Amino acid sequence: MKRQTGELVNALHSVNRHVPTVATGLLAGTLPVAKQHEFAGLLIQLGNLLHQHAGDSPPEPRHALRDDGDAPPSP
């Protein structure tokens, strides 16, 4: 596993640990604005890491007879 992939997975786990508390606080109206901004920053950082990871990954092979938007052939 690439170091970058490990960092991405760690960031995903970190954000995931906060989601229940953030969601509950938002629903209850008790999550302070500063915490909302802090969590938003974590999500932005996670999104940036994921974009970077995807951009550094080799392109996936395309099937010669199908465009990306076409449905797979039925059996």
PDB file of N, CA and C in Angstrom:
ATOM      1  N   MET A   1       0.848  -1.173   0.000  1.00  0.00           N
ATOM      2  CA  MET A   1       0.000   0.000   0.000  1.00  0.00           C
ATOM      3  C   MET A   1       0.899   1.243   0.000  1.00  0.00           C
ATOM      4  N   LYS A   2       0.531   2.220  -0.826  1.00  0.00           N
ATOM      5  CA  LYS A   2       1.283   3.459  -0.883  1.00  0.00           C
ATOM      6  C   LYS A   2       1.083   4.252   0.399  1.00  0.00           C
ATOM      7  N   ARG A   3       2.092   5.028   0.787  1.00  0.00           N
ATOM      8  CA  ARG A   3       2.008   5.863   1.974  1.00  0.00           C
ATOM      9  C   ARG A   3       0.804   6.799   1.866  1.00  0.00           C
ATOM     10  N   GLN A   4       0.598   7.351   0.677  1.00  0.00           N
ATOM     11  CA  GLN A   4      -0.505   8.276   0.453  1.00  0.00           C
ATOM     12  C   GLN A   4      -1.860   7.584   0.700  1.00  0.00           C
ATOM     13  N   THR A   5      -1.974   6.326   0.308  1.00  0.00           N
ATOM     14  CA  THR A   5      -3.217   5.586   0.539  1.00  0.00           C
ATOM     15  C   THR A   5      -3.449   5.398   2.030  1.00  0.00           C
ATOM     16  N   GLY A   6      -2.410   5.075   2.754  1.00  0.00           N
ATOM     17  CA  GLY A   6      -2.522   4.922   4.205  1.00  0.00           C
ATOM     18  C   GLY A   6      -2.967   6.212   4.873  1.00  0.00           C
ATOM     19  N   GLU A   7      -2.418   7.344   4.438  1.00  0.00           N
ATOM     20  CA  GLU A   7      -2.810   8.636   4.990  1.00  0.00           C
ATOM     21  C   GLU A   7      -4.280   8.927   4.690  1.00  0.00           C
ATOM     22  N   LEU A   8      -4.713   8.594   3.481  1.00  0.00           N
ATOM     23  CA  LEU A   8      -6.110   8.804   3.099  1.00  0.00           C
ATOM     24  C   LEU A   8      -7.037   7.955   3.962  1.00  0.00           C
ATOM     25  N   VAL A   9      -6.686   6.699   4.155  1.00  0.00           N
ATOM     26  CA  VAL A   9      -7.514   5.806   4.969  1.00  0.00           C
ATOM     27  C   VAL A   9      -7.555   6.295   6.416  1.00  0.00           C
ATOM     28  N   ASN A  10      -6.432   6.748   6.937  1.00  0.00           N
ATOM     29  CA  ASN A  10      -6.412   7.296   8.301  1.00  0.00           C
ATOM     30  C   ASN A  10      -7.313   8.521   8.412  1.00  0.00           C
ATOM     31  N   ALA A  11      -7.285   9.383   7.408  1.00  0.00           N
ATOM     32  CA  ALA A  11      -8.142  10.573   7.412  1.00  0.00           C
ATOM     33  C   ALA A  11      -9.610  10.174   7.340  1.00  0.00           C
ATOM     34  N   LEU A  12      -9.935   9.171   6.533  1.00  0.00           N
ATOM     35  CA  LEU A  12     -11.314   8.683   6.452  1.00  0.00           C
ATOM     36  C   LEU A  12     -11.789   8.166   7.810  1.00  0.00           C
ATOM     37  N   HIS A  13     -10.943   7.401   8.477  1.00  0.00           N
ATOM     38  CA  HIS A  13     -11.303   6.871   9.802  1.00  0.00           C
ATOM     39  C   HIS A  13     -11.483   8.004  10.811  1.00  0.00           C
ATOM     40  N   SER A  14     -10.624   9.000  10.745  1.00  0.00           N
ATOM     41  CA  SER A  14     -10.712  10.125  11.668  1.00  0.00           C
ATOM     42  C   SER A  14     -12.029  10.873  11.494  1.00  0.00           C
ATOM     43  N   VAL A  15     -12.380  11.173  10.257  1.00  0.00           N
ATOM     44  CA  VAL A  15     -13.635  11.867   9.990  1.00  0.00           C
ATOM     45  C   VAL A  15     -14.815  10.997  10.414  1.00  0.00           C
ATOM     46  N   ASN A  16     -14.735   9.710  10.103  1.00  0.00           N
ATOM     47  CA  ASN A  16     -15.826   8.792  10.429  1.00  0.00           C
ATOM     48  C   ASN A  16     -16.111   8.752  11.932  1.00  0.00           C
ATOM     49  N   ARG A  17     -15.059   8.848  12.739  1.00  0.00           N
ATOM     50  CA  ARG A  17     -15.242   8.832  14.199  1.00  0.00           C
ATOM     51  C   ARG A  17     -16.040  10.046  14.683  1.00  0.00           C
ATOM     52  N   HIS A  18     -15.925  11.170  13.970  1.00  0.00           N
ATOM     53  CA  HIS A  18     -16.604  12.399  14.384  1.00  0.00           C
ATOM     54  C   HIS A  18     -18.030  12.518  13.855  1.00  0.00           C
ATOM     55  N   VAL A  19     -18.376  11.776  12.815  1.00  0.00           N
ATOM     56  CA  VAL A  19     -19.678  11.938  12.164  1.00  0.00           C
ATOM     57  C   VAL A  19     -20.859  11.757  13.126  1.00  0.00           C
ATOM     58  N   PRO A  20     -20.912  10.710  13.947  1.00  0.00           N
ATOM     59  CA  PRO A  20     -22.080  10.560  14.823  1.00  0.00           C
ATOM     60  C   PRO A  20     -22.278  11.753  15.769  1.00  0.00           C
ATOM     61  N   THR A  21     -21.207  12.237  16.362  1.00  0.00           N
ATOM     62  CA  THR A  21     -21.302  13.365  17.284  1.00  0.00           C
ATOM     63  C   THR A  21     -21.734  14.638  16.557  1.00  0.00           C
ATOM     64  N   VAL A  22     -21.146  14.861  15.395  1.00  0.00           N
ATOM     65  CA  VAL A  22     -21.494  16.049  14.610  1.00  0.00           C
ATOM     66  C   VAL A  22     -22.953  15.980  14.165  1.00  0.00           C
ATOM     67  N   ALA A  23     -23.373  14.839  13.656  1.00  0.00           N
ATOM     68  CA  ALA A  23     -24.753  14.691  13.192  1.00  0.00           C
ATOM     69  C   ALA A  23     -25.744  14.896  14.334  1.00  0.00           C
ATOM     70  N   THR A  24     -25.457  14.300  15.479  1.00  0.00           N
ATOM     71  CA  THR A  24     -26.338  14.445  16.643  1.00  0.00           C
ATOM     72  C   THR A  24     -26.391  15.901  17.096  1.00  0.00           C
ATOM     73  N   GLY A  25     -25.233  16.540  17.150  1.00  0.00           N
ATOM     74  CA  GLY A  25     -25.184  17.943  17.559  1.00  0.00           C
ATOM     75  C   GLY A  25     -25.917  18.855  16.594  1.00  0.00           C
ATOM     76  N   LEU A  26     -25.812  18.569  15.306  1.00  0.00           N
ATOM     77  CA  LEU A  26     -26.529  19.374  14.318  1.00  0.00           C
ATOM     78  C   LEU A  26     -28.040  19.207  14.481  1.00  0.00           C
ATOM     79  N   LEU A  27     -28.476  17.949  14.633  1.00  0.00           N
ATOM     80  CA  LEU A  27     -29.906  17.698  14.794  1.00  0.00           C
ATOM     81  C   LEU A  27     -30.465  18.337  16.064  1.00  0.00           C
ATOM     82  N   ALA A  28     -29.680  18.296  17.124  1.00  0.00           N
ATOM     83  CA  ALA A  28     -30.130  18.853  18.398  1.00  0.00           C
ATOM     84  C   ALA A  28     -29.957  20.366  18.465  1.00  0.00           C
ATOM     85  N   GLY A  29     -29.220  20.922  17.513  1.00  0.00           N
ATOM     86  CA  GLY A  29     -28.961  22.355  17.537  1.00  0.00           C
ATOM     87  C   GLY A  29     -27.957  22.763  18.587  1.00  0.00           C
ATOM     88  N   THR A  30     -27.105  21.813  18.999  1.00  0.00           N
ATOM     89  CA  THR A  30     -26.151  22.083  20.075  1.00  0.00           C
ATOM     90  C   THR A  30     -24.696  22.133  19.610  1.00  0.00           C
ATOM     91  N   LEU A  31     -24.456  21.920  18.316  1.00  0.00           N
ATOM     92  CA  LEU A  31     -23.083  21.930  17.827  1.00  0.00           C
ATOM     93  C   LEU A  31     -22.646  23.375  17.602  1.00  0.00           C
ATOM     94  N   PRO A  32     -21.659  23.841  18.370  1.00  0.00           N
ATOM     95  CA  PRO A  32     -21.219  25.226  18.226  1.00  0.00           C
ATOM     96  C   PRO A  32     -20.724  25.520  16.808  1.00  0.00           C
ATOM     97  N   VAL A  33     -20.880  26.775  16.411  1.00  0.00           N
ATOM     98  CA  VAL A  33     -20.467  27.199  15.075  1.00  0.00           C
ATOM     99  C   VAL A  33     -18.983  26.897  14.847  1.00  0.00           C
ATOM    100  N   ALA A  34     -18.154  27.126  15.855  1.00  0.00           N
ATOM    101  CA  ALA A  34     -16.718  26.866  15.706  1.00  0.00           C
ATOM    102  C   ALA A  34     -16.465  25.390  15.395  1.00  0.00           C
ATOM    103  N   LYS A  35     -17.212  24.496  16.035  1.00  0.00           N
ATOM    104  CA  LYS A  35     -17.060  23.062  15.779  1.00  0.00           C
ATOM    105  C   LYS A  35     -17.555  22.708  14.378  1.00  0.00           C
ATOM    106  N   GLN A  36     -18.604  23.385  13.923  1.00  0.00           N
ATOM    107  CA  GLN A  36     -19.087  23.151  12.562  1.00  0.00           C
ATOM    108  C   GLN A  36     -18.002  23.528  11.551  1.00  0.00           C
ATOM    109  N   HIS A  37     -17.375  24.674  11.770  1.00  0.00           N
ATOM    110  CA  HIS A  37     -16.291  25.102  10.877  1.00  0.00           C
ATOM    111  C   HIS A  37     -15.102  24.146  10.945  1.00  0.00           C
ATOM    112  N   GLU A  38     -14.796  23.693  12.145  1.00  0.00           N
ATOM    113  CA  GLU A  38     -13.681  22.754  12.326  1.00  0.00           C
ATOM    114  C   GLU A  38     -13.940  21.453  11.565  1.00  0.00           C
ATOM    115  N   PHE A  39     -15.149  20.924  11.681  1.00  0.00           N
ATOM    116  CA  PHE A  39     -15.488  19.688  10.981  1.00  0.00           C
ATOM    117  C   PHE A  39     -15.514  19.912   9.474  1.00  0.00           C
ATOM    118  N   ALA A  40     -16.028  21.049   9.048  1.00  0.00           N
ATOM    119  CA  ALA A  40     -16.031  21.371   7.617  1.00  0.00           C
ATOM    120  C   ALA A  40     -14.601  21.393   7.078  1.00  0.00           C
ATOM    121  N   GLY A  41     -13.680  21.928   7.862  1.00  0.00           N
ATOM    122  CA  GLY A  41     -12.275  21.941   7.453  1.00  0.00           C
ATOM    123  C   GLY A  41     -11.718  20.540   7.295  1.00  0.00           C
ATOM    124  N   LEU A  42     -12.095  19.641   8.217  1.00  0.00           N
ATOM    125  CA  LEU A  42     -11.662  18.246   8.105  1.00  0.00           C
ATOM    126  C   LEU A  42     -12.203  17.606   6.829  1.00  0.00           C
ATOM    127  N   LEU A  43     -13.474  17.898   6.519  1.00  0.00           N
ATOM    128  CA  LEU A  43     -14.070  17.336   5.301  1.00  0.00           C
ATOM    129  C   LEU A  43     -13.390  17.875   4.051  1.00  0.00           C
ATOM    130  N   ILE A  44     -13.057  19.153   4.063  1.00  0.00           N
ATOM    131  CA  ILE A  44     -12.364  19.752   2.918  1.00  0.00           C
ATOM    132  C   ILE A  44     -10.990  19.112   2.741  1.00  0.00           C
ATOM    133  N   GLN A  45     -10.266  18.952   3.842  1.00  0.00           N
ATOM    134  CA  GLN A  45      -8.946  18.312   3.771  1.00  0.00           C
ATOM    135  C   GLN A  45      -9.070  16.887   3.255  1.00  0.00           C
ATOM    136  N   LEU A  46     -10.088  16.165   3.734  1.00  0.00           N
ATOM    137  CA  LEU A  46     -10.311  14.796   3.278  1.00  0.00           C
ATOM    138  C   LEU A  46     -10.602  14.785   1.784  1.00  0.00           C
ATOM    139  N   GLY A  47     -11.450  15.686   1.330  1.00  0.00           N
ATOM    140  CA  GLY A  47     -11.762  15.774  -0.090  1.00  0.00           C
ATOM    141  C   GLY A  47     -10.526  16.066  -0.918  1.00  0.00           C
ATOM    142  N   ASN A  48      -9.687  16.962  -0.434  1.00  0.00           N
ATOM    143  CA  ASN A  48      -8.449  17.277  -1.156  1.00  0.00           C
ATOM    144  C   ASN A  48      -7.525  16.063  -1.227  1.00  0.00           C
ATOM    145  N   LEU A  49      -7.405  15.332  -0.121  1.00  0.00           N
ATOM    146  CA  LEU A  49      -6.581  14.118  -0.124  1.00  0.00           C
ATOM    147  C   LEU A  49      -7.109  13.093  -1.125  1.00  0.00           C
ATOM    148  N   LEU A  50      -8.432  12.936  -1.156  1.00  0.00           N
ATOM    149  CA  LEU A  50      -9.036  11.966  -2.069  1.00  0.00           C
ATOM    150  C   LEU A  50      -8.828  12.386  -3.519  1.00  0.00           C
ATOM    151  N   HIS A  51      -8.996  13.674  -3.809  1.00  0.00           N
ATOM    152  CA  HIS A  51      -8.733  14.164  -5.172  1.00  0.00           C
ATOM    153  C   HIS A  51      -7.282  13.914  -5.569  1.00  0.00           C
ATOM    154  N   GLN A  52      -6.370  14.211  -4.655  1.00  0.00           N
ATOM    155  CA  GLN A  52      -4.951  14.006  -4.945  1.00  0.00           C
ATOM    156  C   GLN A  52      -4.652  12.530  -5.165  1.00  0.00           C
ATOM    157  N   HIS A  53      -5.229  11.674  -4.328  1.00  0.00           N
ATOM    158  CA  HIS A  53      -5.003  10.238  -4.458  1.00  0.00           C
ATOM    159  C   HIS A  53      -5.520   9.736  -5.801  1.00  0.00           C
ATOM    160  N   ALA A  54      -6.725  10.177  -6.164  1.00  0.00           N
ATOM    161  CA  ALA A  54      -7.303   9.756  -7.438  1.00  0.00           C
ATOM    162  C   ALA A  54      -6.475  10.273  -8.608  1.00  0.00           C
ATOM    163  N   GLY A  55      -5.986  11.499  -8.486  1.00  0.00           N
ATOM    164  CA  GLY A  55      -5.181  12.072  -9.559  1.00  0.00           C
ATOM    165  C   GLY A  55      -3.844  11.384  -9.725  1.00  0.00           C
ATOM    166  N   ASP A  56      -3.312  10.826  -8.655  1.00  0.00           N
ATOM    167  CA  ASP A  56      -2.020  10.140  -8.712  1.00  0.00           C
ATOM    168  C   ASP A  56      -2.155   8.667  -9.092  1.00  0.00           C
ATOM    169  N   SER A  57      -3.389   8.179  -9.172  1.00  0.00           N
ATOM    170  CA  SER A  57      -3.615   6.774  -9.515  1.00  0.00           C
ATOM    171  C   SER A  57      -3.579   6.593 -11.021  1.00  0.00           C
ATOM    172  N   PRO A  58      -3.137   5.426 -11.484  1.00  0.00           N
ATOM    173  CA  PRO A  58      -3.135   5.189 -12.935  1.00  0.00           C
ATOM    174  C   PRO A  58      -4.571   5.132 -13.452  1.00  0.00           C
ATOM    175  N   PRO A  59      -4.780   5.577 -14.682  1.00  0.00           N
ATOM    176  CA  PRO A  59      -6.132   5.525 -15.233  1.00  0.00           C
ATOM    177  C   PRO A  59      -6.619   4.091 -15.352  1.00  0.00           C
ATOM    178  N   GLU A  60      -7.929   3.938 -15.183  1.00  0.00           N
ATOM    179  CA  GLU A  60      -8.517   2.608 -15.316  1.00  0.00           C
ATOM    180  C   GLU A  60      -8.670   2.284 -16.795  1.00  0.00           C
ATOM    181  N   PRO A  61      -8.451   1.022 -17.166  1.00  0.00           N
ATOM    182  CA  PRO A  61      -8.626   0.662 -18.574  1.00  0.00           C
ATOM    183  C   PRO A  61     -10.089   0.754 -18.965  1.00  0.00           C
ATOM    184  N   ARG A  62     -10.331   1.217 -20.158  1.00  0.00           N
ATOM    185  CA  ARG A  62     -11.702   1.287 -20.668  1.00  0.00           C
ATOM    186  C   ARG A  62     -11.936   0.122 -21.598  1.00  0.00           C
ATOM    187  N   HIS A  63     -13.127  -0.401 -21.559  1.00  0.00           N
ATOM    188  CA  HIS A  63     -13.510  -1.477 -22.471  1.00  0.00           C
ATOM    189  C   HIS A  63     -13.584  -0.884 -23.871  1.00  0.00           C
ATOM    190  N   ALA A  64     -13.026  -1.552 -24.842  1.00  0.00           N
ATOM    191  CA  ALA A  64     -12.917  -1.016 -26.197  1.00  0.00           C
ATOM    192  C   ALA A  64     -14.270  -0.788 -26.860  1.00  0.00           C
ATOM    193  N   LEU A  65     -15.304  -1.511 -26.451  1.00  0.00           N
ATOM    194  CA  LEU A  65     -16.590  -1.423 -27.126  1.00  0.00           C
ATOM    195  C   LEU A  65     -17.616  -0.591 -26.370  1.00  0.00           C
ATOM    196  N   ARG A  66     -17.245  -0.041 -25.209  1.00  0.00           N
ATOM    197  CA  ARG A  66     -18.217   0.670 -24.380  1.00  0.00           C
ATOM    198  C   ARG A  66     -17.707   2.037 -23.994  1.00  0.00           C
ATOM    199  N   ASP A  67     -18.586   3.014 -23.977  1.00  0.00           N
ATOM    200  CA  ASP A  67     -18.267   4.308 -23.393  1.00  0.00           C
ATOM    201  C   ASP A  67     -18.520   4.224 -21.903  1.00  0.00           C
ATOM    202  N   ASP A  68     -17.938   5.146 -21.151  1.00  0.00           N
ATOM    203  CA  ASP A  68     -18.119   5.130 -19.694  1.00  0.00           C
ATOM    204  C   ASP A  68     -19.581   5.247 -19.284  1.00  0.00           C
ATOM    205  N   GLY A  69     -20.392   5.950 -20.052  1.00  0.00           N
ATOM    206  CA  GLY A  69     -21.775   6.158 -19.682  1.00  0.00           C
ATOM    207  C   GLY A  69     -22.714   5.035 -20.077  1.00  0.00           C
ATOM    208  N   ASP A  70     -22.251   4.086 -20.874  1.00  0.00           N
ATOM    209  CA  ASP A  70     -23.113   2.998 -21.321  1.00  0.00           C
ATOM    210  C   ASP A  70     -23.301   1.975 -20.216  1.00  0.00           C
ATOM    211  N   ALA A  71     -24.463   1.400 -20.192  1.00  0.00           N
ATOM    212  CA  ALA A  71     -24.747   0.339 -19.233  1.00  0.00           C
ATOM    213  C   ALA A  71     -24.006  -0.933 -19.646  1.00  0.00           C
ATOM    214  N   PRO A  72     -23.638  -1.768 -18.674  1.00  0.00           N
ATOM    215  CA  PRO A  72     -22.972  -3.030 -19.026  1.00  0.00           C
ATOM    216  C   PRO A  72     -23.917  -3.920 -19.824  1.00  0.00           C
ATOM    217  N   PRO A  73     -23.358  -4.781 -20.659  1.00  0.00           N
ATOM    218  CA  PRO A  73     -24.215  -5.662 -21.465  1.00  0.00           C
ATOM    219  C   PRO A  73     -25.014  -6.593 -20.574  1.00  0.00           C
ATOM    220  N   SER A  74     -26.254  -6.858 -20.954  1.00  0.00           N
ATOM    221  CA  SER A  74     -27.070  -7.770 -20.172  1.00  0.00           C
ATOM    222  C   SER A  74     -26.715  -9.203 -20.537  1.00  0.00           C
ATOM    223  N   PRO A  75     -26.870 -10.114 -19.545  1.00  0.00           N
ATOM    224  CA  PRO A  75     -26.478 -11.511 -19.782  1.00  0.00           C
ATOM    225  C   PRO A  75     -27.358 -12.210 -20.783  1.00  0.00           C
TER     226      PRO A  75
END
